[in-house]
Amino acid sequence: MTKSLIVSLMLTAILAAAAAYAAHQYLEKDYQNKWCKEQKGRTEVVMEDRTRCDCLTDTYSVEFDFANKWAEAVGQSLNYSFKTGKKAGIVLILEDEKDKKYLDRLNGMIKEKKLPIKVWSVDKSYLAGKAEEKTGICFIGTAVEK
């Protein structure tokens, strides 16, 4: 192969990987900033172990994650709860209908293991100001106790 063909193939591979990684329409931070402001919380609060709680309210320490990272959100929310003494919370970001399976997995684990974690979900309509209440224990926008 010629040198220019190898370089072209490498650039194509890099661009394809970058496009796959940047597939989210909105950033996690966009959801985090809006939701946390509505809850009168503080964003990116640094813990003593140098981790950052996505949103700290009077009641909750909240982790935000895209739906496919639901399992990581469990550990992070429990860690923030441990560090702050506040209740653990997760805001799961659902970008399309397929993401609901992750919400089901998250809620199933919380119920089965009796984990002390409150879950909310948001989707793209939330940032457009068209939030709708979701079914189950998950609500868009406002921290509501059941």
Protein backbone atom coordinates (compact mmCIF):
# COMPACT_ATOMS: atom_id res chain seq x y z
CA MET A 1 0.00 0.00 0.00
CA THR A 2 1.08 3.49 -0.60
CA LYS A 3 1.74 5.90 2.19
CA SER A 4 -1.18 8.17 1.20
CA LEU A 5 -3.63 5.25 1.21
CA ILE A 6 -2.52 4.22 4.71
CA VAL A 7 -2.90 7.79 5.95
CA SER A 8 -6.36 8.03 4.35
CA LEU A 9 -7.48 4.79 6.00
CA MET A 10 -6.18 5.94 9.38
CA LEU A 11 -7.97 9.29 9.10
CA THR A 12 -11.20 7.55 8.12
CA ALA A 13 -10.95 5.24 11.13
CA ILE A 14 -10.24 8.14 13.49
CA LEU A 15 -13.14 10.21 12.14
CA ALA A 16 -15.53 7.25 12.37
CA ALA A 17 -14.52 6.62 15.98
CA ALA A 18 -14.94 10.30 16.85
CA ALA A 19 -18.38 10.40 15.23
CA ALA A 20 -19.50 7.34 17.17
CA TYR A 21 -18.23 8.81 20.44
CA ALA A 22 -19.92 12.17 19.87
CA ALA A 23 -23.28 10.63 19.01
CA HIS A 24 -25.20 12.46 21.75
CA GLN A 25 -27.38 15.33 20.61
CA TYR A 26 -26.85 17.18 23.90
CA LEU A 27 -24.10 17.00 26.48
CA GLU A 28 -24.65 15.48 29.91
CA LYS A 29 -23.75 18.90 31.31
CA ASP A 30 -26.72 20.48 29.48
CA TYR A 31 -29.20 18.23 31.29
CA GLN A 32 -27.29 18.58 34.55
CA ASN A 33 -27.22 22.38 34.51
CA LYS A 34 -30.93 22.76 33.77
CA TRP A 35 -32.15 20.12 36.22
CA CYS A 36 -29.86 21.21 39.04
CA LYS A 37 -30.82 24.86 38.63
CA GLU A 38 -34.51 23.90 38.85
CA GLN A 39 -33.77 22.01 42.07
CA LYS A 40 -31.83 24.96 43.48
CA GLY A 41 -28.75 22.76 43.70
CA ARG A 42 -25.05 23.21 43.03
CA THR A 43 -23.29 21.53 40.11
CA GLU A 44 -19.89 19.83 40.01
CA VAL A 45 -19.36 19.83 43.78
CA VAL A 46 -15.89 18.46 44.56
CA MET A 47 -15.83 15.71 47.19
CA GLU A 48 -12.93 15.08 49.59
CA ASP A 49 -11.75 12.22 47.34
CA ARG A 50 -11.66 14.65 44.36
CA THR A 51 -14.67 13.09 42.66
CA ARG A 52 -17.35 15.52 41.53
CA CYS A 53 -21.00 15.21 42.45
CA ASP A 54 -23.02 16.29 39.40
CA CYS A 55 -25.71 18.03 41.46
CA LEU A 56 -25.96 18.57 45.19
CA THR A 57 -29.35 19.71 46.54
CA ASP A 58 -30.53 20.20 50.10
CA THR A 59 -31.72 16.57 50.12
CA TYR A 60 -29.93 14.65 47.35
CA SER A 61 -26.50 14.03 45.91
CA VAL A 62 -27.31 13.29 42.27
CA GLU A 63 -25.38 11.54 39.50
CA PHE A 64 -26.29 12.20 35.84
CA ASP A 65 -25.53 9.62 33.17
CA PHE A 66 -26.64 8.53 29.74
CA ALA A 67 -28.85 5.45 29.86
CA ASN A 68 -26.23 2.90 28.80
CA LYS A 69 -24.08 3.94 31.79
CA TRP A 70 -26.80 3.13 34.33
CA ALA A 71 -24.63 0.67 36.28
CA GLU A 72 -21.82 3.21 36.73
CA ALA A 73 -24.38 5.72 37.98
CA VAL A 74 -25.36 3.35 40.81
CA GLY A 75 -21.86 3.27 42.28
CA GLN A 76 -21.25 6.97 41.83
CA SER A 77 -24.56 7.99 43.41
CA LEU A 78 -23.94 5.77 46.43
CA ASN A 79 -20.42 7.18 46.80
CA TYR A 80 -21.69 10.76 46.72
CA SER A 81 -24.38 9.87 49.25
CA PHE A 82 -21.74 8.36 51.51
CA LYS A 83 -19.49 11.42 51.19
CA THR A 84 -22.24 14.01 51.73
CA GLY A 85 -24.68 12.29 54.08
CA LYS A 86 -27.48 13.13 51.63
CA LYS A 87 -29.84 10.74 49.85
CA ALA A 88 -28.53 9.12 46.65
CA GLY A 89 -30.11 10.10 43.36
CA ILE A 90 -29.67 9.33 39.67
CA VAL A 91 -30.95 11.27 36.68
CA LEU A 92 -30.85 8.87 33.75
CA ILE A 93 -30.74 10.47 30.30
CA LEU A 94 -32.91 8.65 27.75
CA GLU A 95 -32.13 9.67 24.18
CA ASP A 96 -34.54 7.34 22.40
CA GLU A 97 -37.11 4.58 22.99
CA LYS A 98 -34.40 1.90 23.07
CA ASP A 99 -32.92 3.49 26.19
CA LYS A 100 -35.96 2.54 28.28
CA LYS A 101 -34.47 -0.93 28.72
CA TYR A 102 -31.65 0.64 30.76
CA LEU A 103 -34.13 2.48 32.94
CA ASP A 104 -35.91 -0.83 33.54
CA ARG A 105 -32.60 -2.49 34.47
CA LEU A 106 -31.74 0.33 36.86
CA ASN A 107 -35.13 0.29 38.57
CA GLY A 108 -35.06 -3.53 38.70
CA MET A 109 -31.70 -3.59 40.45
CA ILE A 110 -32.72 -0.88 42.90
CA LYS A 111 -35.91 -2.74 43.77
CA GLU A 112 -34.31 -6.20 43.97
CA LYS A 113 -31.37 -5.08 46.10
CA LYS A 114 -33.41 -2.51 48.06
CA LEU A 115 -30.91 0.21 47.24
CA PRO A 116 -31.61 3.66 48.74
CA ILE A 117 -31.49 5.49 45.40
CA LYS A 118 -34.10 7.85 43.93
CA VAL A 119 -34.31 7.79 40.13
CA TRP A 120 -35.49 10.44 37.69
CA SER A 121 -35.27 10.34 33.91
CA VAL A 122 -35.00 13.06 31.32
CA ASP A 123 -35.07 12.99 27.54
CA LYS A 124 -34.31 15.41 24.72
CA SER A 125 -37.70 17.10 25.09
CA TYR A 126 -36.68 18.17 28.59
CA LEU A 127 -34.09 20.58 27.20
CA ALA A 128 -36.62 21.91 24.71
CA GLY A 129 -38.93 22.75 27.62
CA LYS A 130 -41.45 20.04 26.76
CA ALA A 131 -40.96 17.79 29.76
CA GLU A 132 -43.58 15.15 30.38
CA GLU A 133 -44.06 12.99 33.42
CA LYS A 134 -42.74 9.49 32.89
CA THR A 135 -44.31 6.36 34.29
CA GLY A 136 -43.18 4.57 37.41
CA ILE A 137 -40.98 6.21 39.99
CA CYS A 138 -39.15 8.36 37.47
CA PHE A 139 -40.10 11.96 36.90
CA ILE A 140 -38.63 14.54 34.58
CA GLY A 141 -37.51 17.75 36.16
CA THR A 142 -38.72 17.98 39.71
CA ALA A 143 -37.55 15.84 42.60
CA VAL A 144 -40.82 14.31 43.74
CA GLU A 145 -41.09 11.83 46.60
CA LYS A 146 -43.59 8.98 46.21
